[in-house]
Protein backbone atom coordinates (compact mmCIF):
# COMPACT_ATOMS: atom_id res chain seq x y z
CA MET A 1 188.01 95.82 40.53
CA THR A 2 191.22 93.73 41.27
CA GLU A 3 191.24 89.97 41.74
CA ILE A 4 192.06 90.55 45.50
CA ASP A 5 188.90 92.74 45.92
CA LYS A 6 186.72 90.17 44.18
CA THR A 7 187.94 87.35 46.51
CA THR A 8 187.37 89.62 49.58
CA GLU A 9 183.88 90.30 48.38
CA ARG A 10 183.18 86.66 47.95
CA ASP A 11 184.56 85.78 51.42
CA GLU A 12 182.25 88.40 53.03
CA ALA A 13 179.29 87.22 51.00
CA ARG A 14 180.00 83.67 52.23
CA ARG A 15 180.24 84.67 55.93
CA GLY A 16 176.98 86.43 55.80
CA TYR A 17 175.14 83.78 54.06
CA ARG A 18 172.72 81.67 56.04
CA PRO A 19 170.54 78.81 54.34
CA GLU A 20 166.89 79.38 54.64
CA GLY A 21 165.32 77.38 57.29
CA ILE A 22 168.32 76.99 59.44
CA ASP A 23 167.77 78.27 62.98
CA ASP A 24 169.79 81.14 64.21
CA ALA A 25 170.96 78.86 67.10
CA PHE A 26 173.16 77.04 64.53
CA VAL A 27 174.75 80.03 63.11
CA ALA A 28 177.53 81.87 65.03
CA HIS A 29 177.65 85.73 64.95
CA ASP A 30 180.53 88.18 65.00
CA GLU A 31 180.38 91.16 67.31
CA ASP A 32 179.10 93.33 64.52
CA GLY A 33 176.09 90.92 64.04
CA SER A 34 177.31 89.39 60.70
CA ALA A 35 176.73 85.56 60.65
CA THR A 36 179.78 83.26 60.73
CA PRO A 37 179.34 79.75 59.10
CA PRO A 38 179.50 76.88 61.63
CA ALA A 39 182.83 75.50 62.27
CA ARG A 40 183.94 72.39 60.26
CA GLY A 41 186.08 69.43 61.20
CA GLY A 42 185.80 70.18 65.05
CA ARG A 43 186.97 73.88 64.72
CA LYS A 44 185.31 76.25 67.30
CA GLY A 45 183.00 79.02 66.17
CA ALA A 46 183.46 82.84 66.67
CA ASP A 47 182.51 82.76 70.46
CA GLY A 48 185.10 79.97 71.13
CA ALA A 49 182.50 77.11 71.72
CA ALA A 50 182.21 73.95 69.52
CA PRO A 51 178.88 73.61 67.73
CA VAL A 52 176.51 71.30 69.52
CA MET A 53 174.38 68.82 67.41
CA PRO A 54 170.73 68.38 68.52
CA LYS A 55 169.99 65.09 70.12
CA LEU A 56 167.32 62.85 68.44
CA GLY A 57 165.93 61.55 71.74
CA TRP A 58 163.65 58.50 72.23
CA LYS A 59 160.66 60.42 70.77
CA GLY A 60 162.59 61.22 67.75
CA THR A 61 163.78 57.83 67.35
CA LEU A 62 160.36 56.45 67.60
CA ARG A 63 159.19 59.00 65.06
CA TRP A 64 161.86 58.12 62.69
CA MET A 65 161.25 54.38 63.00
CA TRP A 66 157.52 54.98 62.30
CA ARG A 67 158.11 56.93 59.24
CA GLN A 68 160.49 54.32 57.84
CA LEU A 69 158.08 51.57 58.47
CA THR A 70 155.23 53.41 57.02
CA SER A 71 157.21 54.45 53.80
CA MET A 72 156.29 52.81 50.53
CA ARG A 73 159.89 51.53 50.11
CA VAL A 74 159.71 49.50 53.28
CA ALA A 75 156.06 48.24 52.50
CA LEU A 76 157.41 46.85 49.15
CA MET A 77 160.41 45.27 50.93
CA LEU A 78 158.06 43.63 53.36
CA LEU A 79 155.84 42.30 50.67
CA MET A 80 158.80 40.84 48.89
CA LEU A 81 160.10 39.51 52.15
CA LEU A 82 156.83 37.74 52.86
CA ALA A 83 156.87 36.06 49.42
CA VAL A 84 160.20 34.78 50.05
CA ALA A 85 159.28 33.58 53.56
CA ALA A 86 156.52 31.53 52.13
CA VAL A 87 158.92 29.50 49.87
CA PRO A 88 160.05 27.11 52.61
CA GLY A 89 156.34 26.27 53.17
CA SER A 90 155.90 25.17 49.72
CA ILE A 91 159.30 23.16 49.50
CA LEU A 92 159.53 21.44 52.85
CA PRO A 93 156.69 19.25 54.24
CA GLN A 94 154.49 21.07 56.78
CA GLN A 95 153.40 19.63 60.05
CA SER A 96 149.75 20.74 59.66
CA ILE A 97 149.33 19.05 56.21
CA ASP A 98 151.82 16.15 55.88
CA PRO A 99 153.14 15.06 59.58
CA SER A 100 154.28 11.73 58.18
CA GLY A 101 156.38 13.60 55.62
CA VAL A 102 157.94 15.72 58.39
CA THR A 103 158.74 12.67 60.35
CA GLN A 104 160.30 10.98 57.22
CA TYR A 105 162.38 14.23 56.67
CA LEU A 106 163.59 14.26 60.20
CA GLN A 107 164.56 10.61 59.95
CA ASP A 108 166.41 11.08 56.69
CA ASN A 109 168.22 14.33 57.70
CA PRO A 110 168.58 14.24 61.48
CA THR A 111 171.01 17.25 61.85
CA ALA A 112 169.48 19.52 59.26
CA GLY A 113 165.98 18.54 60.23
CA LYS A 114 166.58 19.31 63.86
CA ILE A 115 167.79 22.90 63.08
CA LEU A 116 165.02 23.49 60.68
CA ASP A 117 162.51 22.24 63.21
CA ARG A 118 163.86 24.65 65.88
CA LEU A 119 163.49 27.48 63.39
CA GLY A 120 159.92 26.69 62.45
CA PHE A 121 160.37 25.70 59.04
CA PHE A 122 158.13 22.69 59.18
CA ASP A 123 155.26 25.06 60.42
CA VAL A 124 156.21 28.08 58.35
CA PHE A 125 152.84 29.96 58.28
CA SER A 126 152.36 29.67 62.12
CA SER A 127 155.90 30.60 63.02
CA VAL A 128 156.90 33.76 64.90
CA TRP A 129 159.09 35.13 62.08
CA PHE A 130 156.45 34.68 59.50
CA SER A 131 153.83 36.17 61.67
CA ALA A 132 156.07 39.15 62.44
CA ILE A 133 156.53 39.89 58.76
CA TYR A 134 152.81 39.56 58.18
CA ILE A 135 152.04 42.03 61.08
CA LEU A 136 154.73 44.52 60.12
CA LEU A 137 153.43 44.58 56.43
CA PHE A 138 149.91 45.03 57.87
CA VAL A 139 151.03 48.06 60.02
CA SER A 140 153.14 49.44 57.26
CA LEU A 141 150.17 49.36 54.81
CA VAL A 142 147.76 50.98 57.44
CA GLY A 143 150.38 53.61 58.26
CA CYS A 144 150.95 54.28 54.62
CA ILE A 145 147.35 54.38 53.45
CA VAL A 146 145.72 56.60 56.15
CA PRO A 147 147.71 59.71 55.57
CA ARG A 148 147.58 59.27 51.86
CA ALA A 149 143.76 58.87 51.95
CA ILE A 150 143.35 61.92 54.20
CA ALA A 151 145.55 64.02 51.86
CA HIS A 152 143.81 62.72 48.75
CA THR A 153 140.46 63.57 50.34
CA LYS A 154 141.49 67.20 50.90
CA ALA A 155 142.90 67.40 47.43
CA LEU A 156 139.60 66.25 45.84
CA ARG A 157 137.75 69.09 47.61
CA GLN A 158 140.24 71.69 46.28
CA ARG A 159 139.80 73.91 43.15
CA PRO A 160 141.86 73.30 40.02
CA PRO A 161 144.89 75.68 39.80
CA LYS A 162 144.30 79.08 38.35
CA THR A 163 144.95 79.88 34.95
CA PRO A 164 148.64 81.15 34.35
CA ARG A 165 149.30 84.46 32.99
CA ARG A 166 151.53 83.11 30.02
CA PHE A 167 151.08 79.88 27.99
CA ASP A 168 154.41 80.09 26.09
CA ARG A 169 156.28 77.88 28.42
CA PHE A 170 153.83 74.98 28.26
CA PRO A 171 154.68 71.71 26.45
CA ALA A 172 151.17 71.50 24.64
CA LYS A 173 149.51 74.64 23.24
CA GLY A 174 146.42 75.38 21.12
CA HIS A 175 144.99 78.52 19.41
CA ALA A 176 141.76 79.12 17.53
CA ALA A 177 139.12 81.76 16.66
CA THR A 178 135.33 81.56 16.15
CA ASP A 179 132.33 83.84 15.64
CA ALA A 180 130.48 82.46 18.71
CA ALA A 181 130.16 84.54 21.78
CA PRO A 182 132.75 83.88 24.57
CA ASP A 183 130.06 82.61 26.90
CA ALA A 184 129.08 80.09 24.50
CA VAL A 185 132.74 78.98 23.93
CA VAL A 186 133.28 78.65 27.58
CA ALA A 187 130.13 76.52 27.96
CA ALA A 188 131.30 74.31 25.05
CA ALA A 189 134.67 73.91 26.50
CA VAL A 190 133.26 72.92 29.84
CA ARG A 191 130.90 70.31 28.42
CA HIS A 192 133.81 68.72 26.51
CA LEU A 193 136.12 68.72 29.55
CA ARG A 194 133.53 67.17 31.92
CA GLY A 195 132.58 64.43 29.67
CA PRO A 196 129.25 62.61 29.14
CA LEU A 197 128.97 61.27 32.69
CA ARG A 198 127.77 63.99 34.99
CA TRP A 199 128.33 61.82 38.12
CA LEU A 200 131.83 61.12 37.14
CA PRO A 201 133.42 64.07 35.09
CA THR A 202 136.54 63.54 33.28
CA PHE A 203 137.93 66.91 34.41
CA ARG A 204 137.13 69.09 37.32
CA VAL A 205 136.47 72.48 35.80
CA GLU A 206 136.56 75.96 37.20
CA THR A 207 135.56 78.96 35.24
CA GLY A 208 136.30 82.61 36.02
CA THR A 209 137.49 86.09 34.68
CA ASP A 210 140.92 87.43 34.98
CA ALA A 211 142.06 90.94 35.79
CA GLU A 212 141.92 92.01 32.10
CA GLY A 213 138.31 90.88 31.60
CA ARG A 214 139.18 87.59 29.76
CA ARG A 215 137.13 84.53 30.49
CA THR A 216 139.19 81.68 31.80
CA VAL A 217 138.77 77.99 32.27
CA ALA A 218 140.91 75.86 34.55
CA ALA A 219 140.52 72.04 34.35
CA GLU A 220 142.31 69.30 36.13
CA ARG A 221 142.03 65.46 35.72
CA GLY A 222 143.97 62.40 36.97
CA TYR A 223 142.63 62.27 40.58
CA LEU A 224 141.50 58.68 39.78
CA ARG A 225 145.15 57.80 39.52
CA GLU A 226 145.76 58.40 43.26
CA THR A 227 142.22 56.89 43.87
CA GLY A 228 143.21 53.76 42.23
CA ASN A 229 146.57 53.72 44.03
CA ILE A 230 144.92 53.87 47.35
CA LEU A 231 142.16 51.46 46.17
CA PHE A 232 145.08 49.02 45.24
CA HIS A 233 146.68 49.15 48.80
CA LEU A 234 143.32 49.03 50.57
CA CYS A 235 142.41 45.86 48.66
CA LEU A 236 146.04 44.48 49.50
CA LEU A 237 145.22 45.20 53.09
CA GLY A 238 141.96 43.54 52.78
CA LEU A 239 143.66 40.39 51.05
CA LEU A 240 145.95 40.26 54.06
CA VAL A 241 142.97 40.32 56.47
CA ALA A 242 140.91 37.87 54.41
CA VAL A 243 143.81 35.33 54.24
CA GLY A 244 144.45 35.61 58.00
CA THR A 245 140.77 35.24 58.74
CA GLY A 246 140.54 32.21 56.44
CA GLN A 247 143.65 30.60 58.10
CA VAL A 248 142.18 30.71 61.63
CA LEU A 249 138.49 29.68 60.55
CA HIS A 250 139.02 27.09 57.84
CA TYR A 251 139.16 23.40 57.92
CA ARG A 252 140.29 20.90 55.50
CA ALA A 253 139.60 17.04 55.45
CA GLN A 254 140.25 14.10 53.29
CA VAL A 255 138.52 10.77 53.12
CA ILE A 256 138.64 7.66 50.94
CA VAL A 257 135.30 6.15 50.13
CA SER A 258 134.59 2.92 48.22
CA GLU A 259 131.54 2.21 46.33
CA GLY A 260 128.58 1.39 48.48
CA HIS A 261 130.15 3.00 51.51
CA GLY A 262 129.92 6.43 52.92
CA PHE A 263 130.81 8.84 55.72
CA ALA A 264 129.41 11.53 58.07
CA ASN A 265 130.60 15.09 58.56
CA SER A 266 132.37 14.52 61.65
CA VAL A 267 136.17 14.72 62.70
CA VAL A 268 136.29 11.03 63.48
CA ASP A 269 135.00 9.93 60.10
CA TYR A 270 137.78 11.61 58.17
CA ASP A 271 141.23 10.03 57.42
CA THR A 272 143.01 13.38 57.76
CA PHE A 273 141.69 16.59 59.35
CA GLU A 274 143.40 19.98 59.90
CA SER A 275 141.84 23.29 60.86
CA GLY A 276 142.51 26.91 62.00
CA ALA A 277 143.22 28.12 65.52
CA PHE A 278 139.66 29.44 66.06
CA TRP A 279 137.70 26.60 64.38
CA ARG A 280 135.31 24.59 66.70
CA SER A 281 133.94 21.16 65.78
CA SER A 282 130.50 22.49 66.81
CA SER A 283 130.55 24.57 63.62
CA LEU A 284 130.44 21.54 61.37
CA ASP A 285 127.12 21.36 59.51
CA PRO A 286 125.60 17.80 59.93
CA PHE A 287 125.35 15.77 56.71
CA SER A 288 126.15 12.20 55.44
CA MET A 289 127.44 11.10 51.98
CA THR A 290 127.31 7.80 50.17
CA LEU A 291 129.33 6.77 47.05
CA ASP A 292 126.77 5.08 44.89
CA LYS A 293 128.92 4.57 41.85
CA PHE A 294 132.11 5.83 40.13
CA THR A 295 132.77 5.76 36.36
CA SER A 296 135.64 6.69 34.46
CA GLU A 297 136.46 7.00 30.58
CA PHE A 298 139.85 6.66 28.95
CA THR A 299 140.88 6.75 25.33
CA THR A 300 141.50 3.49 23.51
CA THR A 301 145.08 4.48 22.46
CA ALA A 302 148.25 3.02 23.84
CA THR A 303 148.71 5.87 26.33
CA ALA A 304 145.09 5.53 27.70
CA GLU A 305 144.49 9.23 28.35
CA PRO A 306 141.72 10.01 30.94
CA ARG A 307 138.45 11.66 29.40
CA ASN A 308 136.13 11.81 32.38
CA PHE A 309 135.79 10.97 36.06
CA THR A 310 132.27 11.15 37.76
CA ALA A 311 131.36 10.10 41.29
CA PHE A 312 127.65 9.58 41.83
CA VAL A 313 126.73 10.31 45.36
CA THR A 314 123.78 10.49 47.75
CA VAL A 315 123.74 13.50 50.26
CA ARG A 316 121.55 13.40 53.34
CA GLN A 317 120.89 16.42 55.61
CA PRO A 318 118.61 16.72 58.56
CA GLY A 319 115.21 17.92 57.65
CA ALA A 320 115.76 17.60 54.02
CA PRO A 321 115.11 14.91 51.48
CA GLU A 322 118.04 12.75 49.97
CA LYS A 323 119.68 14.32 47.04
CA ALA A 324 121.43 12.54 44.26
CA GLU A 325 124.53 14.47 43.16
CA LYS A 326 127.52 14.34 41.00
CA ILE A 327 131.20 15.18 41.74
CA ARG A 328 133.60 15.69 38.78
CA VAL A 329 137.09 17.00 38.41
CA ASN A 330 137.14 20.83 38.74
CA HIS A 331 133.43 20.72 39.50
CA PRO A 332 132.98 20.46 43.35
CA LEU A 333 129.96 19.83 45.24
CA ASP A 334 128.76 22.56 47.77
CA VAL A 335 127.41 20.84 50.87
CA GLY A 336 127.46 21.74 54.54
CA GLY A 337 129.11 25.09 53.79
CA ALA A 338 132.08 23.25 52.31
CA LYS A 339 133.39 22.35 48.87
CA VAL A 340 133.79 18.59 48.15
CA TYR A 341 136.45 17.99 45.55
CA LEU A 342 137.12 14.76 43.74
CA GLN A 343 140.92 14.46 44.47
CA GLY A 344 141.66 10.91 43.08
CA ASN A 345 140.44 7.38 42.48
CA GLY A 346 141.50 3.81 42.17
CA TYR A 347 140.43 0.22 43.00
CA ALA A 348 139.43 -1.36 46.35
CA PRO A 349 139.00 -5.13 45.83
CA ASN A 350 136.82 -6.86 48.30
CA ILE A 351 138.92 -9.58 49.97
CA THR A 352 137.86 -12.36 52.37
CA VAL A 353 140.66 -13.93 54.37
CA LYS A 354 139.98 -17.19 56.57
CA ASP A 355 142.50 -18.48 58.95
CA ALA A 356 143.74 -22.10 59.46
CA LYS A 357 140.70 -22.85 61.57
CA GLY A 358 138.22 -21.85 58.84
CA GLU A 359 137.13 -18.64 60.68
CA VAL A 360 136.70 -15.44 58.72
CA ALA A 361 139.66 -13.17 59.99
CA TYR A 362 139.10 -10.42 57.61
CA SER A 363 136.47 -9.38 55.00
CA GLY A 364 136.00 -5.98 53.21
CA PRO A 365 137.45 -3.57 50.68
CA VAL A 366 141.21 -2.85 50.67
CA VAL A 367 142.41 0.34 49.05
CA PHE A 368 145.16 -0.16 46.49
CA ILE A 369 147.17 2.96 45.53
CA PRO A 370 147.73 3.47 41.80
CA GLN A 371 151.35 3.53 40.80
CA ASP A 372 151.18 4.39 37.07
CA THR A 373 148.67 5.70 34.45
CA ASN A 374 147.45 2.14 33.75
CA TYR A 375 146.35 1.85 37.35
CA THR A 376 148.83 -0.74 38.37
CA SER A 377 148.18 -0.51 42.14
CA GLN A 378 149.98 -1.52 45.35
CA GLY A 379 148.25 -2.50 48.50
CA VAL A 380 148.57 -4.18 51.94
CA VAL A 381 146.12 -6.54 53.61
CA LYS A 382 146.61 -6.78 57.37
CA VAL A 383 144.86 -9.60 59.15
CA PRO A 384 145.31 -9.29 62.86
CA ASP A 385 142.06 -10.98 64.08
CA VAL A 386 143.10 -14.63 63.53
CA SER A 387 141.97 -17.32 65.93
CA ALA A 388 143.99 -17.78 69.20
CA GLY A 389 147.39 -19.32 68.81
CA LEU A 390 147.66 -18.59 65.11
CA ASP A 391 150.21 -16.24 63.42
CA GLN A 392 148.92 -12.95 62.17
CA ILE A 393 148.82 -12.63 58.47
CA GLY A 394 149.95 -9.92 56.01
CA LEU A 395 149.44 -9.87 52.35
CA VAL A 396 151.44 -7.52 50.13
CA GLY A 397 151.33 -7.16 46.41
CA PHE A 398 149.65 -5.44 43.34
CA LEU A 399 146.40 -5.24 41.60
CA LEU A 400 146.40 -5.37 37.79
CA PRO A 401 143.02 -3.95 36.30
CA THR A 402 144.21 -5.52 32.85
CA ALA A 403 146.78 -8.20 33.37
CA ALA A 404 148.79 -9.35 30.44
CA SER A 405 147.75 -12.79 29.31
CA ASP A 406 151.30 -13.96 28.72
CA ASP A 407 152.77 -12.69 32.11
CA PRO A 408 150.29 -11.77 34.78
CA THR A 409 152.98 -10.62 37.10
CA GLN A 410 153.84 -7.73 34.79
CA ALA A 411 152.39 -4.31 35.16
CA SER A 412 148.81 -3.57 34.02
CA ILE A 413 148.44 -2.72 30.27
CA TYR A 414 145.10 -0.76 30.58
CA PRO A 415 143.51 1.23 33.36
CA GLN A 416 139.91 -0.39 32.99
CA PRO A 417 139.28 -3.69 34.61
CA LEU A 418 139.41 -5.93 31.45
CA ASN A 419 141.29 -8.71 33.05
CA PRO A 420 141.56 -7.92 36.89
CA MET A 421 144.08 -9.94 38.89
CA LEU A 422 145.70 -9.78 42.26
CA VAL A 423 149.32 -10.66 42.75
CA LEU A 424 150.18 -11.10 46.49
CA ASN A 425 153.15 -12.24 48.58
CA VAL A 426 152.37 -13.71 51.95
CA TRP A 427 153.91 -12.90 55.45
CA HIS A 428 153.04 -14.28 58.86
CA GLY A 429 154.06 -13.58 62.39
CA ASN A 430 153.41 -10.49 64.47
CA LEU A 431 152.03 -7.43 62.67
CA GLY A 432 153.06 -5.02 65.41
CA LEU A 433 149.64 -3.45 65.98
CA ASP A 434 149.21 -4.26 69.62
CA ASP A 435 152.04 -2.06 70.96
CA GLY A 436 150.18 1.10 70.33
CA THR A 437 152.64 2.55 67.78
CA PRO A 438 150.78 4.26 64.70
CA GLN A 439 151.51 2.57 61.43
CA ASN A 440 151.15 3.49 57.86
CA VAL A 441 148.01 1.42 56.53
CA TYR A 442 149.74 1.22 53.17
CA ARG A 443 152.97 -0.30 54.55
CA LEU A 444 153.71 -3.67 56.22
CA ASP A 445 156.04 -3.87 59.08
CA THR A 446 157.93 -7.21 58.45
CA SER A 447 160.39 -6.78 61.31
CA ASP A 448 158.63 -9.49 63.40
CA MET A 449 157.24 -11.39 60.40
CA THR A 450 158.42 -14.35 58.05
CA GLU A 451 157.73 -14.45 54.34
CA SER A 452 156.24 -17.64 52.97
CA THR A 453 158.72 -19.40 50.60
CA LYS A 454 159.00 -22.49 48.45
CA ASP A 455 162.30 -23.92 47.31
CA GLY A 456 163.86 -20.85 48.72
CA LYS A 457 161.79 -18.38 46.62
CA PRO A 458 158.91 -16.17 47.80
CA VAL A 459 155.51 -17.57 47.19
CA THR A 460 153.49 -15.32 44.74
CA LEU A 461 149.64 -15.83 44.60
CA THR A 462 147.67 -14.82 41.57
CA ILE A 463 143.95 -14.37 42.03
CA GLN A 464 141.14 -13.45 39.80
CA PRO A 465 137.69 -12.15 40.83
CA GLY A 466 135.54 -14.82 42.38
CA LYS A 467 138.44 -17.25 42.82
CA THR A 468 139.71 -18.62 46.21
CA VAL A 469 143.34 -19.82 46.68
CA LYS A 470 144.92 -21.41 49.62
CA LEU A 471 147.71 -19.62 51.62
CA PRO A 472 150.95 -21.24 51.98
CA ASP A 473 152.13 -22.83 55.21
CA GLY A 474 148.59 -23.76 56.08
CA LEU A 475 147.56 -20.28 56.94
CA GLY A 476 144.18 -20.43 55.54
CA THR A 477 142.53 -19.12 52.34
CA VAL A 478 142.02 -15.89 50.54
CA THR A 479 139.14 -15.05 48.27
CA PHE A 480 138.98 -12.13 45.65
CA ASP A 481 135.22 -11.41 46.00
CA SER A 482 134.76 -8.34 43.75
CA LEU A 483 136.46 -5.16 42.45
CA PRO A 484 134.75 -1.92 43.53
CA ARG A 485 136.18 1.50 42.82
CA TYR A 486 136.91 4.01 45.46
CA VAL A 487 137.35 7.90 45.45
CA ALA A 488 139.48 10.14 47.40
CA LEU A 489 137.50 13.27 48.44
CA ASP A 490 138.89 16.59 49.69
CA LEU A 491 136.52 18.83 51.75
CA ARG A 492 137.63 22.48 52.17
CA TYR A 493 135.81 25.18 54.13
CA ASP A 494 137.21 28.73 53.98
CA PRO A 495 134.79 31.62 54.72
CA ALA A 496 137.30 34.11 53.22
CA LEU A 497 137.31 32.79 49.72
CA THR A 498 134.68 35.13 48.39
CA TRP A 499 136.34 38.15 50.00
CA ILE A 500 139.79 37.02 48.68
CA LEU A 501 138.13 37.22 45.09
CA VAL A 502 136.69 40.61 45.75
CA PHE A 503 139.79 42.11 47.12
CA ALA A 504 141.79 40.59 44.13
CA LEU A 505 139.55 41.97 41.64
CA GLY A 506 139.63 45.37 43.41
CA ALA A 507 143.39 45.34 43.47
CA LEU A 508 143.50 44.71 39.80
CA LEU A 509 141.15 47.63 39.20
CA GLY A 510 143.07 49.99 41.29
CA LEU A 511 146.25 49.03 39.73
CA ALA A 512 144.64 49.59 36.26
CA LEU A 513 143.47 52.91 37.39
CA SER A 514 146.83 53.99 38.72
CA LEU A 515 148.73 52.83 35.65
CA PHE A 516 146.41 54.11 32.93
CA THR A 517 144.81 57.14 34.25
CA PRO A 518 146.73 60.30 32.92
CA ARG A 519 147.24 63.43 35.14
CA ARG A 520 146.71 66.40 33.12
CA ARG A 521 145.69 70.13 33.56
CA VAL A 522 144.28 72.18 30.82
CA TRP A 523 143.68 76.00 30.80
CA LEU A 524 141.85 78.10 28.47
CA ARG A 525 141.76 81.88 27.92
CA VAL A 526 138.90 83.35 25.78
CA TRP A 527 138.46 86.81 24.83
CA SER A 528 136.60 88.96 22.13
CA GLU A 529 138.37 91.29 19.69
CA ASP A 530 137.46 93.24 16.76
CA VAL A 531 138.91 92.40 13.33
CA THR A 532 138.66 94.15 9.99
CA ASP A 533 137.92 92.31 6.82
CA ASP A 534 140.57 93.06 4.04
CA GLU A 535 138.11 92.81 1.34
CA SER A 536 134.86 94.63 2.65
CA GLY A 537 136.64 96.87 5.23
CA GLU A 538 133.94 95.78 7.69
CA THR A 539 134.81 95.49 11.38
CA ARG A 540 133.23 92.54 13.17
CA PRO A 541 133.76 90.88 16.60
CA ARG A 542 135.88 87.69 16.76
CA THR A 543 136.33 85.38 19.74
CA VAL A 544 139.94 84.14 20.30
CA ILE A 545 140.71 80.96 22.11
CA ASP A 546 144.09 80.43 23.65
CA ALA A 547 144.76 76.96 25.43
CA ALA A 548 147.77 75.16 27.10
CA GLY A 549 148.24 71.82 28.77
CA LEU A 550 150.56 70.42 31.35
CA ALA A 551 151.00 66.72 32.28
CA ARG A 552 152.83 65.06 35.09
CA GLY A 553 155.64 63.17 33.35
CA ASP A 554 155.64 62.20 29.58
CA ASP A 555 152.16 62.20 28.15
CA SER A 556 151.96 61.59 24.33
CA GLY A 557 148.19 62.30 24.40
CA LEU A 558 148.37 65.78 26.12
CA GLN A 559 148.60 67.68 22.71
CA ARG A 560 145.62 65.80 21.45
CA GLU A 561 143.59 66.59 24.60
CA VAL A 562 144.31 70.28 24.06
CA ASP A 563 143.48 70.15 20.32
CA GLY A 564 140.29 68.36 21.09
CA VAL A 565 139.00 70.91 23.76
CA VAL A 566 139.94 73.82 21.44
CA ALA A 567 138.03 72.21 18.43
CA SER A 568 135.06 71.72 20.55
CA ALA A 569 135.16 75.16 21.93
CA ALA A 570 135.74 76.77 18.49
CA GLY A 571 133.09 74.53 16.78
CA THR A 572 130.13 76.21 18.53
CA GLY A 573 130.22 79.35 16.13
CA SER A 574 129.21 79.76 12.39
CA SER A 575 132.86 79.61 11.26
CA THR A 576 136.33 78.85 12.63
CA ALA A 577 139.70 80.12 12.05
CA PRO A 578 142.69 78.01 11.71
CA SER A 579 144.79 77.77 14.65
CA ASN A 580 147.71 79.50 12.95
CA LEU A 581 145.99 82.75 12.96
CA PRO A 582 148.01 85.78 14.15
CA ARG A 583 147.34 86.13 17.78
CA LYS A 584 146.35 89.81 18.71
CA ALA A 585 147.04 90.82 22.25
CA PRO A 586 143.90 92.09 24.02
CA ARG A 587 143.83 95.70 25.21
């Protein structure tokens, strides 16, 4: 055949070729009925008409969008996007947790803060865009899990694949011979493949007989791999539901309590309080708590490392006797359905201030906030209730639990109250509390106040417990009565915490199953044949075992699996033959 004839034959074969699955409507035909390939590059077909591509339509578009949304690729992208979207919530102050921090950020960054506020970056977890990602991930997981669960359920009810006719092409093979009967060999192989747990067999096993009368065993394992995969995604879906439920039903409150004082479980008694959208104040369990004593332990080294913090409290609930409880770091107290955590501690000196007329204008504990590890604490005393016609008083300064004897104005040298001292500066004027503008209790607004001075320098008062000193400018006196401790308590109620733990453990279990469960198929063919002993010339029956294995992907343990089942099956007889015996084909 010449080269021209070969080219002509190839052209004719090309014109008559139609890919399988392509409808005849997309293939042009000549008058003699032979198929002509569709025109390319805008060229017309044999009938003179240009090919018409099918239109997707709105139904096809929706179907395509749904398939993309429910694909595993998009689900992973949404999960990563959700993690990225949560980053601003941990970097920027959030309105529900730190409203004063948001206000301060807006004041410090007026332009950027205004843009971020409009985009919802100060309330990330309630923003529209974060909720959209959350809902899309939820829908994607549901659409991904349901079809896979249905397909997996159907696969579990199917039988293992039939034994192939030839084993030569499989990566793992085994061969042995034994004196046991074929039925006993098959039974031993089945027991080995199913394993010791009858309610959870290692392999799904099917026995039978082929067309040539040989006994066959078909076994398959690895369905736990897909089960674990589905369990992982179901638990991930459960985590989303649990976290969302916890966010709308939770509440969190903070309160500072000094020794000898307490609080009741009501919104008005807490210093800060934030809750979910569906939380109601009527769901608060009634109880009250009093701080009886707080103890702390530190090392005696120069660094004064903390050793232990314990708050001794008394809890009262309706219809129940009083209970003495302890709250320690990382050991919260369960009461009223909430967990009470020991968040912080410090000193709250009892101070009494009398005005120029000798009237008690203020008396009680004042919380001083620790500034370093030695509890050098800063605080503000606001005295608005002075006698008529007198200036209001503000005291700003530090509490030193252990003041240095040579210079009491320096920082504290130890956190325990070995030599406590108050170091205060005095202001007088208008505190600005009467105009209705909220103020930070730990800051003094000095815009309408004057600092007391002497010789052009601010007056600094140093006061020890039990001492009384006069205020400058004839403002009155201040007494340092005692030095109780205070604790900062954090109350958290989240009904979804238990479910979050359950789903998290379930996700880890599912992930472990999907990663470490091998997907394997093992087949055995067992038949009996007669062999002649070379020495005695006697003919006796022998059972031959032929096995093969196949795994999905690389599996270093597949050959061991095949060798194990062959050894178990061959070990039932009185003697076994080595696996390299010549294989005699059955008749």
